[in-house]
Amino acid sequence: MDLSAGTRSWLDQYVILVQRNWQTYARGSDLIVMTALVTCLLAIFIGSGLWYQIGNNQLSVTKR
């Protein structure tokens, strides 16, 4: 069954575009490393902010 570009379903077109997008994303290894680094830094920043705001002594037990 020969499907030309004009007769492909929207699902076929969607799958092709997702595959192309993943290939483009995977080729940019520096982008993947930077995204992981930024994610980790944000997690540490937000987590430490919440930890110090809540506190870690007996008086802060009610805040948890």
C-alpha atoms as a PDB file:
ATOM      1  CA  MET A   1       0.000   0.000   0.000  1.00  0.00           C
ATOM      2  CA  ASP A   2       1.673   3.156  -1.224  1.00  0.00           C
ATOM      3  CA  LEU A   3       0.846   6.183   0.862  1.00  0.00           C
ATOM      4  CA  SER A   4       1.871   9.431  -0.714  1.00  0.00           C
ATOM      5  CA  ALA A   5       2.291  12.522   1.425  1.00  0.00           C
ATOM      6  CA  GLY A   6      -1.209  13.727   0.582  1.00  0.00           C
ATOM      7  CA  THR A   7      -3.013  10.568   1.703  1.00  0.00           C
ATOM      8  CA  ARG A   8      -1.272   9.879   5.021  1.00  0.00           C
ATOM      9  CA  SER A   9      -3.405  10.054   8.104  1.00  0.00           C
ATOM     10  CA  TRP A  10      -2.818  12.697  10.726  1.00  0.00           C
ATOM     11  CA  LEU A  11      -1.516  10.005  13.073  1.00  0.00           C
ATOM     12  CA  ASP A  12       1.153   8.926  10.562  1.00  0.00           C
ATOM     13  CA  GLN A  13       2.192  12.538  10.086  1.00  0.00           C
ATOM     14  CA  TYR A  14       2.312  13.077  13.845  1.00  0.00           C
ATOM     15  CA  VAL A  15       4.519  10.012  14.385  1.00  0.00           C
ATOM     16  CA  ILE A  16       6.910  11.136  11.649  1.00  0.00           C
ATOM     17  CA  LEU A  17       7.187  14.623  13.125  1.00  0.00           C
ATOM     18  CA  VAL A  18       7.794  13.257  16.629  1.00  0.00           C
ATOM     19  CA  GLN A  19      10.546  10.970  15.308  1.00  0.00           C
ATOM     20  CA  ARG A  20      12.201  13.876  13.492  1.00  0.00           C
ATOM     21  CA  ASN A  21      11.985  16.036  16.597  1.00  0.00           C
ATOM     22  CA  TRP A  22      13.599  13.332  18.777  1.00  0.00           C
ATOM     23  CA  GLN A  23      16.378  12.859  16.223  1.00  0.00           C
ATOM     24  CA  THR A  24      17.080  16.578  16.196  1.00  0.00           C
ATOM     25  CA  TYR A  25      17.043  16.701  19.996  1.00  0.00           C
ATOM     26  CA  ALA A  26      19.328  13.662  20.317  1.00  0.00           C
ATOM     27  CA  ARG A  27      21.883  15.158  17.938  1.00  0.00           C
ATOM     28  CA  GLY A  28      22.316  18.165  20.205  1.00  0.00           C
ATOM     29  CA  SER A  29      24.152  16.437  23.054  1.00  0.00           C
ATOM     30  CA  ASP A  30      25.289  19.777  24.462  1.00  0.00           C
ATOM     31  CA  LEU A  31      21.648  20.800  24.763  1.00  0.00           C
ATOM     32  CA  ILE A  32      20.817  17.598  26.650  1.00  0.00           C
ATOM     33  CA  VAL A  33      23.684  18.181  29.092  1.00  0.00           C
ATOM     34  CA  MET A  34      22.685  21.807  29.669  1.00  0.00           C
ATOM     35  CA  THR A  35      19.040  20.857  30.217  1.00  0.00           C
ATOM     36  CA  ALA A  36      20.035  18.224  32.783  1.00  0.00           C
ATOM     37  CA  LEU A  37      22.373  20.667  34.529  1.00  0.00           C
ATOM     38  CA  VAL A  38      19.749  23.412  34.727  1.00  0.00           C
ATOM     39  CA  THR A  39      17.168  20.927  36.007  1.00  0.00           C
ATOM     40  CA  CYS A  40      19.495  19.743  38.772  1.00  0.00           C
ATOM     41  CA  LEU A  41      20.451  23.277  39.781  1.00  0.00           C
ATOM     42  CA  LEU A  42      16.824  24.379  39.937  1.00  0.00           C
ATOM     43  CA  ALA A  43      15.903  21.321  41.994  1.00  0.00           C
ATOM     44  CA  ILE A  44      18.702  22.056  44.469  1.00  0.00           C
ATOM     45  CA  PHE A  45      17.800  25.744  44.636  1.00  0.00           C
ATOM     46  CA  ILE A  46      14.077  25.162  45.204  1.00  0.00           C
ATOM     47  CA  GLY A  47      14.623  22.218  47.541  1.00  0.00           C
ATOM     48  CA  SER A  48      17.121  24.034  49.729  1.00  0.00           C
ATOM     49  CA  GLY A  49      14.885  27.089  49.869  1.00  0.00           C
ATOM     50  CA  LEU A  50      11.980  25.015  51.084  1.00  0.00           C
ATOM     51  CA  TRP A  51      14.163  23.089  53.534  1.00  0.00           C
ATOM     52  CA  TYR A  52      15.563  26.215  55.197  1.00  0.00           C
ATOM     53  CA  GLN A  53      12.179  27.940  55.215  1.00  0.00           C
ATOM     54  CA  ILE A  54      10.552  24.990  56.985  1.00  0.00           C
ATOM     55  CA  GLY A  55      13.423  24.476  59.399  1.00  0.00           C
ATOM     56  CA  ASN A  56      14.723  21.358  61.063  1.00  0.00           C
ATOM     57  CA  ASN A  57      14.093  21.842  64.778  1.00  0.00           C
ATOM     58  CA  GLN A  58      11.274  20.991  67.169  1.00  0.00           C
ATOM     59  CA  LEU A  59       9.421  24.295  66.639  1.00  0.00           C
ATOM     60  CA  SER A  60       9.110  23.697  62.913  1.00  0.00           C
ATOM     61  CA  VAL A  61       7.337  20.343  63.229  1.00  0.00           C
ATOM     62  CA  THR A  62       3.927  22.025  62.898  1.00  0.00           C
ATOM     63  CA  LYS A  63       4.937  23.579  59.554  1.00  0.00           C
ATOM     64  CA  ARG A  64       5.364  20.168  57.945  1.00  0.00           C
END
